[in-house]
Amino acid sequence: MGRNKKLRIRLNSLRQRITDHQIKIALERQRTTPNVSLIRHWVVEIKAWEDTVEHLEWRLKKGKRHD
């Protein structure tokens, strides 16, 4: 498997994890007493994954030699 294909697979996985956590946050906020620390934890994870997605997208573009 080539480098770009591995990056694309990883990107898709991270995007799915971000979506799953956003759903979890929405469901938790609907509860009568939402667990704020759990929501905060998920938000931090989402932020880290979004940063990683940006970096991986940059690496894909870099590989195409489009400066």
PDB file of N, CA and C in Angstrom:
ATOM      1  N   MET A   1       0.850  -1.167   0.000  1.00  0.00           N
ATOM      2  CA  MET A   1       0.000   0.000   0.000  1.00  0.00           C
ATOM      3  C   MET A   1       0.902   1.239   0.000  1.00  0.00           C
ATOM      4  N   GLY A   2       0.575   2.187  -0.859  1.00  0.00           N
ATOM      5  CA  GLY A   2       1.381   3.390  -0.975  1.00  0.00           C
ATOM      6  C   GLY A   2       1.182   4.364   0.177  1.00  0.00           C
ATOM      7  N   ARG A   3       2.087   5.316   0.271  1.00  0.00           N
ATOM      8  CA  ARG A   3       2.064   6.312   1.346  1.00  0.00           C
ATOM      9  C   ARG A   3       0.779   7.125   1.322  1.00  0.00           C
ATOM     10  N   ASN A   4       0.380   7.598   0.139  1.00  0.00           N
ATOM     11  CA  ASN A   4      -0.818   8.428   0.046  1.00  0.00           C
ATOM     12  C   ASN A   4      -2.077   7.660   0.425  1.00  0.00           C
ATOM     13  N   LYS A   5      -2.130   6.397   0.041  1.00  0.00           N
ATOM     14  CA  LYS A   5      -3.302   5.593   0.382  1.00  0.00           C
ATOM     15  C   LYS A   5      -3.406   5.413   1.897  1.00  0.00           C
ATOM     16  N   LYS A   6      -2.272   5.183   2.547  1.00  0.00           N
ATOM     17  CA  LYS A   6      -2.269   5.050   4.004  1.00  0.00           C
ATOM     18  C   LYS A   6      -2.725   6.340   4.664  1.00  0.00           C
ATOM     19  N   LEU A   7      -2.279   7.482   4.119  1.00  0.00           N
ATOM     20  CA  LEU A   7      -2.687   8.770   4.679  1.00  0.00           C
ATOM     21  C   LEU A   7      -4.191   8.982   4.511  1.00  0.00           C
ATOM     22  N   ARG A   8      -4.713   8.616   3.349  1.00  0.00           N
ATOM     23  CA  ARG A   8      -6.153   8.782   3.108  1.00  0.00           C
ATOM     24  C   ARG A   8      -6.984   7.899   4.037  1.00  0.00           C
ATOM     25  N   ILE A   9      -6.522   6.676   4.257  1.00  0.00           N
ATOM     26  CA  ILE A   9      -7.225   5.766   5.176  1.00  0.00           C
ATOM     27  C   ILE A   9      -7.227   6.352   6.583  1.00  0.00           C
ATOM     28  N   ARG A  10      -6.077   6.867   7.006  1.00  0.00           N
ATOM     29  CA  ARG A  10      -5.973   7.471   8.339  1.00  0.00           C
ATOM     30  C   ARG A  10      -6.867   8.703   8.453  1.00  0.00           C
ATOM     31  N   LEU A  11      -6.901   9.520   7.399  1.00  0.00           N
ATOM     32  CA  LEU A  11      -7.760  10.702   7.395  1.00  0.00           C
ATOM     33  C   LEU A  11      -9.230  10.317   7.539  1.00  0.00           C
ATOM     34  N   ASN A  12      -9.663   9.318   6.787  1.00  0.00           N
ATOM     35  CA  ASN A  12     -11.052   8.877   6.872  1.00  0.00           C
ATOM     36  C   ASN A  12     -11.386   8.363   8.263  1.00  0.00           C
ATOM     37  N   SER A  13     -10.458   7.636   8.856  1.00  0.00           N
ATOM     38  CA  SER A  13     -10.665   7.114  10.206  1.00  0.00           C
ATOM     39  C   SER A  13     -10.805   8.251  11.221  1.00  0.00           C
ATOM     40  N   LEU A  14      -9.921   9.234  11.128  1.00  0.00           N
ATOM     41  CA  LEU A  14      -9.983  10.365  12.060  1.00  0.00           C
ATOM     42  C   LEU A  14     -11.274  11.157  11.889  1.00  0.00           C
ATOM     43  N   ARG A  15     -11.680  11.371  10.642  1.00  0.00           N
ATOM     44  CA  ARG A  15     -12.932  12.110  10.398  1.00  0.00           C
ATOM     45  C   ARG A  15     -14.133  11.366  10.975  1.00  0.00           C
ATOM     46  N   GLN A  16     -14.123  10.039  10.876  1.00  0.00           N
ATOM     47  CA  GLN A  16     -15.216   9.250  11.445  1.00  0.00           C
ATOM     48  C   GLN A  16     -15.217   9.345  12.971  1.00  0.00           C
ATOM     49  N   ARG A  17     -14.046   9.322  13.579  1.00  0.00           N
ATOM     50  CA  ARG A  17     -13.948   9.441  15.036  1.00  0.00           C
ATOM     51  C   ARG A  17     -14.444  10.815  15.494  1.00  0.00           C
ATOM     52  N   ILE A  18     -14.121  11.857  14.716  1.00  0.00           N
ATOM     53  CA  ILE A  18     -14.587  13.204  15.045  1.00  0.00           C
ATOM     54  C   ILE A  18     -16.104  13.245  14.996  1.00  0.00           C
ATOM     55  N   THR A  19     -16.690  12.675  13.950  1.00  0.00           N
ATOM     56  CA  THR A  19     -18.146  12.644  13.819  1.00  0.00           C
ATOM     57  C   THR A  19     -18.785  11.875  14.970  1.00  0.00           C
ATOM     58  N   ASP A  20     -18.219  10.732  15.306  1.00  0.00           N
ATOM     59  CA  ASP A  20     -18.753   9.933  16.421  1.00  0.00           C
ATOM     60  C   ASP A  20     -18.728  10.719  17.732  1.00  0.00           C
ATOM     61  N   HIS A  21     -17.649  11.425  17.982  1.00  0.00           N
ATOM     62  CA  HIS A  21     -17.545  12.188  19.226  1.00  0.00           C
ATOM     63  C   HIS A  21     -18.500  13.387  19.224  1.00  0.00           C
ATOM     64  N   GLN A  22     -18.717  13.997  18.063  1.00  0.00           N
ATOM     65  CA  GLN A  22     -19.677  15.094  17.999  1.00  0.00           C
ATOM     66  C   GLN A  22     -21.085  14.603  18.316  1.00  0.00           C
ATOM     67  N   ILE A  23     -21.407  13.401  17.865  1.00  0.00           N
ATOM     68  CA  ILE A  23     -22.705  12.798  18.176  1.00  0.00           C
ATOM     69  C   ILE A  23     -22.802  12.524  19.676  1.00  0.00           C
ATOM     70  N   LYS A  24     -21.723  11.982  20.253  1.00  0.00           N
ATOM     71  CA  LYS A  24     -21.700  11.719  21.696  1.00  0.00           C
ATOM     72  C   LYS A  24     -21.920  13.005  22.488  1.00  0.00           C
ATOM     73  N   ILE A  25     -21.274  14.089  22.057  1.00  0.00           N
ATOM     74  CA  ILE A  25     -21.426  15.375  22.753  1.00  0.00           C
ATOM     75  C   ILE A  25     -22.867  15.843  22.677  1.00  0.00           C
ATOM     76  N   ALA A  26     -23.473  15.748  21.503  1.00  0.00           N
ATOM     77  CA  ALA A  26     -24.860  16.182  21.337  1.00  0.00           C
ATOM     78  C   ALA A  26     -25.799  15.363  22.220  1.00  0.00           C
ATOM     79  N   LEU A  27     -25.584  14.060  22.276  1.00  0.00           N
ATOM     80  CA  LEU A  27     -26.433  13.208  23.111  1.00  0.00           C
ATOM     81  C   LEU A  27     -26.233  13.511  24.595  1.00  0.00           C
ATOM     82  N   GLU A  28     -25.000  13.744  24.992  1.00  0.00           N
ATOM     83  CA  GLU A  28     -24.714  14.038  26.398  1.00  0.00           C
ATOM     84  C   GLU A  28     -25.341  15.366  26.812  1.00  0.00           C
ATOM     85  N   ARG A  29     -25.324  16.358  25.927  1.00  0.00           N
ATOM     86  CA  ARG A  29     -25.910  17.664  26.247  1.00  0.00           C
ATOM     87  C   ARG A  29     -27.422  17.605  26.381  1.00  0.00           C
ATOM     88  N   GLN A  30     -28.049  16.617  25.776  1.00  0.00           N
ATOM     89  CA  GLN A  30     -29.508  16.477  25.855  1.00  0.00           C
ATOM     90  C   GLN A  30     -29.958  15.886  27.186  1.00  0.00           C
ATOM     91  N   ARG A  31     -29.044  15.271  27.911  1.00  0.00           N
ATOM     92  CA  ARG A  31     -29.401  14.675  29.197  1.00  0.00           C
ATOM     93  C   ARG A  31     -29.780  15.763  30.193  1.00  0.00           C
ATOM     94  N   THR A  32     -30.530  15.384  31.222  1.00  0.00           N
ATOM     95  CA  THR A  32     -30.943  16.360  32.235  1.00  0.00           C
ATOM     96  C   THR A  32     -29.755  16.881  33.017  1.00  0.00           C
ATOM     97  N   THR A  33     -28.777  16.028  33.284  1.00  0.00           N
ATOM     98  CA  THR A  33     -27.556  16.457  33.962  1.00  0.00           C
ATOM     99  C   THR A  33     -26.351  15.975  33.156  1.00  0.00           C
ATOM    100  N   PRO A  34     -25.944  16.752  32.162  1.00  0.00           N
ATOM    101  CA  PRO A  34     -24.816  16.323  31.320  1.00  0.00           C
ATOM    102  C   PRO A  34     -23.505  16.319  32.100  1.00  0.00           C
ATOM    103  N   ASN A  35     -22.658  15.388  31.786  1.00  0.00           N
ATOM    104  CA  ASN A  35     -21.347  15.261  32.401  1.00  0.00           C
ATOM    105  C   ASN A  35     -20.395  16.222  31.675  1.00  0.00           C
ATOM    106  N   VAL A  36     -20.162  17.375  32.290  1.00  0.00           N
ATOM    107  CA  VAL A  36     -19.379  18.432  31.660  1.00  0.00           C
ATOM    108  C   VAL A  36     -17.928  18.010  31.452  1.00  0.00           C
ATOM    109  N   SER A  37     -17.367  17.281  32.390  1.00  0.00           N
ATOM    110  CA  SER A  37     -15.968  16.863  32.239  1.00  0.00           C
ATOM    111  C   SER A  37     -15.810  15.880  31.075  1.00  0.00           C
ATOM    112  N   LEU A  38     -16.794  15.042  30.864  1.00  0.00           N
ATOM    113  CA  LEU A  38     -16.754  14.105  29.744  1.00  0.00           C
ATOM    114  C   LEU A  38     -16.853  14.861  28.417  1.00  0.00           C
ATOM    115  N   ILE A  39     -17.740  15.839  28.363  1.00  0.00           N
ATOM    116  CA  ILE A  39     -17.879  16.663  27.162  1.00  0.00           C
ATOM    117  C   ILE A  39     -16.568  17.396  26.886  1.00  0.00           C
ATOM    118  N   ARG A  40     -15.972  17.971  27.911  1.00  0.00           N
ATOM    119  CA  ARG A  40     -14.702  18.686  27.760  1.00  0.00           C
ATOM    120  C   ARG A  40     -13.617  17.748  27.210  1.00  0.00           C
ATOM    121  N   HIS A  41     -13.586  16.530  27.723  1.00  0.00           N
ATOM    122  CA  HIS A  41     -12.613  15.536  27.258  1.00  0.00           C
ATOM    123  C   HIS A  41     -12.800  15.263  25.764  1.00  0.00           C
ATOM    124  N   TRP A  42     -14.041  15.062  25.337  1.00  0.00           N
ATOM    125  CA  TRP A  42     -14.311  14.791  23.933  1.00  0.00           C
ATOM    126  C   TRP A  42     -13.944  15.985  23.058  1.00  0.00           C
ATOM    127  N   VAL A  43     -14.192  17.198  23.544  1.00  0.00           N
ATOM    128  CA  VAL A  43     -13.848  18.403  22.780  1.00  0.00           C
ATOM    129  C   VAL A  43     -12.339  18.493  22.583  1.00  0.00           C
ATOM    130  N   VAL A  44     -11.574  18.176  23.617  1.00  0.00           N
ATOM    131  CA  VAL A  44     -10.115  18.205  23.520  1.00  0.00           C
ATOM    132  C   VAL A  44      -9.633  17.163  22.510  1.00  0.00           C
ATOM    133  N   GLU A  45     -10.219  15.970  22.549  1.00  0.00           N
ATOM    134  CA  GLU A  45      -9.841  14.931  21.591  1.00  0.00           C
ATOM    135  C   GLU A  45     -10.160  15.366  20.169  1.00  0.00           C
ATOM    136  N   ILE A  46     -11.334  15.955  19.960  1.00  0.00           N
ATOM    137  CA  ILE A  46     -11.722  16.424  18.630  1.00  0.00           C
ATOM    138  C   ILE A  46     -10.729  17.462  18.129  1.00  0.00           C
ATOM    139  N   LYS A  47     -10.337  18.394  18.983  1.00  0.00           N
ATOM    140  CA  LYS A  47      -9.382  19.434  18.591  1.00  0.00           C
ATOM    141  C   LYS A  47      -8.055  18.812  18.166  1.00  0.00           C
ATOM    142  N   ALA A  48      -7.581  17.842  18.916  1.00  0.00           N
ATOM    143  CA  ALA A  48      -6.315  17.177  18.579  1.00  0.00           C
ATOM    144  C   ALA A  48      -6.435  16.451  17.244  1.00  0.00           C
ATOM    145  N   TRP A  49      -7.544  15.776  17.022  1.00  0.00           N
ATOM    146  CA  TRP A  49      -7.730  15.052  15.765  1.00  0.00           C
ATOM    147  C   TRP A  49      -7.861  16.013  14.589  1.00  0.00           C
ATOM    148  N   GLU A  50      -8.515  17.159  14.796  1.00  0.00           N
ATOM    149  CA  GLU A  50      -8.633  18.145  13.726  1.00  0.00           C
ATOM    150  C   GLU A  50      -7.261  18.690  13.342  1.00  0.00           C
ATOM    151  N   ASP A  51      -6.410  18.912  14.332  1.00  0.00           N
ATOM    152  CA  ASP A  51      -5.044  19.359  14.047  1.00  0.00           C
ATOM    153  C   ASP A  51      -4.291  18.297  13.243  1.00  0.00           C
ATOM    154  N   THR A  52      -4.476  17.035  13.617  1.00  0.00           N
ATOM    155  CA  THR A  52      -3.821  15.943  12.905  1.00  0.00           C
ATOM    156  C   THR A  52      -4.345  15.854  11.472  1.00  0.00           C
ATOM    157  N   VAL A  53      -5.641  16.028  11.277  1.00  0.00           N
ATOM    158  CA  VAL A  53      -6.230  16.000   9.940  1.00  0.00           C
ATOM    159  C   VAL A  53      -5.615  17.094   9.073  1.00  0.00           C
ATOM    160  N   GLU A  54      -5.489  18.289   9.620  1.00  0.00           N
ATOM    161  CA  GLU A  54      -4.870  19.390   8.875  1.00  0.00           C
ATOM    162  C   GLU A  54      -3.444  19.036   8.459  1.00  0.00           C
ATOM    163  N   HIS A  55      -2.697  18.468   9.377  1.00  0.00           N
ATOM    164  CA  HIS A  55      -1.307  18.094   9.085  1.00  0.00           C
ATOM    165  C   HIS A  55      -1.241  17.010   8.002  1.00  0.00           C
ATOM    166  N   LEU A  56      -2.105  16.017   8.103  1.00  0.00           N
ATOM    167  CA  LEU A  56      -2.095  14.939   7.112  1.00  0.00           C
ATOM    168  C   LEU A  56      -2.524  15.447   5.742  1.00  0.00           C
ATOM    169  N   GLU A  57      -3.488  16.364   5.700  1.00  0.00           N
ATOM    170  CA  GLU A  57      -3.898  16.947   4.424  1.00  0.00           C
ATOM    171  C   GLU A  57      -2.739  17.727   3.809  1.00  0.00           C
ATOM    172  N   TRP A  58      -1.984  18.424   4.635  1.00  0.00           N
ATOM    173  CA  TRP A  58      -0.815  19.155   4.161  1.00  0.00           C
ATOM    174  C   TRP A  58       0.205  18.179   3.564  1.00  0.00           C
ATOM    175  N   ARG A  59       0.395  17.040   4.248  1.00  0.00           N
ATOM    176  CA  ARG A  59       1.348  16.043   3.756  1.00  0.00           C
ATOM    177  C   ARG A  59       0.902  15.463   2.419  1.00  0.00           C
ATOM    178  N   LEU A  60      -0.410  15.265   2.245  1.00  0.00           N
ATOM    179  CA  LEU A  60      -0.907  14.766   0.960  1.00  0.00           C
ATOM    180  C   LEU A  60      -0.647  15.767  -0.151  1.00  0.00           C
ATOM    181  N   LYS A  61      -0.926  17.049   0.121  1.00  0.00           N
ATOM    182  CA  LYS A  61      -0.700  18.086  -0.886  1.00  0.00           C
ATOM    183  C   LYS A  61       0.787  18.221  -1.192  1.00  0.00           C
ATOM    184  N   LYS A  62       1.614  18.133  -0.157  1.00  0.00           N
ATOM    185  CA  LYS A  62       3.067  18.236  -0.328  1.00  0.00           C
ATOM    186  C   LYS A  62       3.567  17.127  -1.243  1.00  0.00           C
ATOM    187  N   GLY A  63       3.018  15.953  -1.111  1.00  0.00           N
ATOM    188  CA  GLY A  63       3.424  14.818  -1.910  1.00  0.00           C
ATOM    189  C   GLY A  63       3.117  15.001  -3.389  1.00  0.00           C
ATOM    190  N   LYS A  64       2.131  15.846  -3.696  1.00  0.00           N
ATOM    191  CA  LYS A  64       1.746  16.072  -5.084  1.00  0.00           C
ATOM    192  C   LYS A  64       2.604  17.146  -5.745  1.00  0.00           C
ATOM    193  N   ARG A  65       3.505  17.744  -4.987  1.00  0.00           N
ATOM    194  CA  ARG A  65       4.416  18.769  -5.489  1.00  0.00           C
ATOM    195  C   ARG A  65       3.694  20.014  -5.997  1.00  0.00           C
ATOM    196  N   HIS A  66       2.602  20.377  -5.326  1.00  0.00           N
ATOM    197  CA  HIS A  66       1.887  21.618  -5.634  1.00  0.00           C
ATOM    198  C   HIS A  66       2.259  22.657  -4.595  1.00  0.00           C
ATOM    199  N   ASP A  67       3.302  23.419  -4.849  1.00  0.00           N
ATOM    200  CA  ASP A  67       3.776  24.395  -3.873  1.00  0.00           C
ATOM    201  C   ASP A  67       3.001  25.673  -3.945  1.00  0.00           C
TER     202      ASP A  67
END
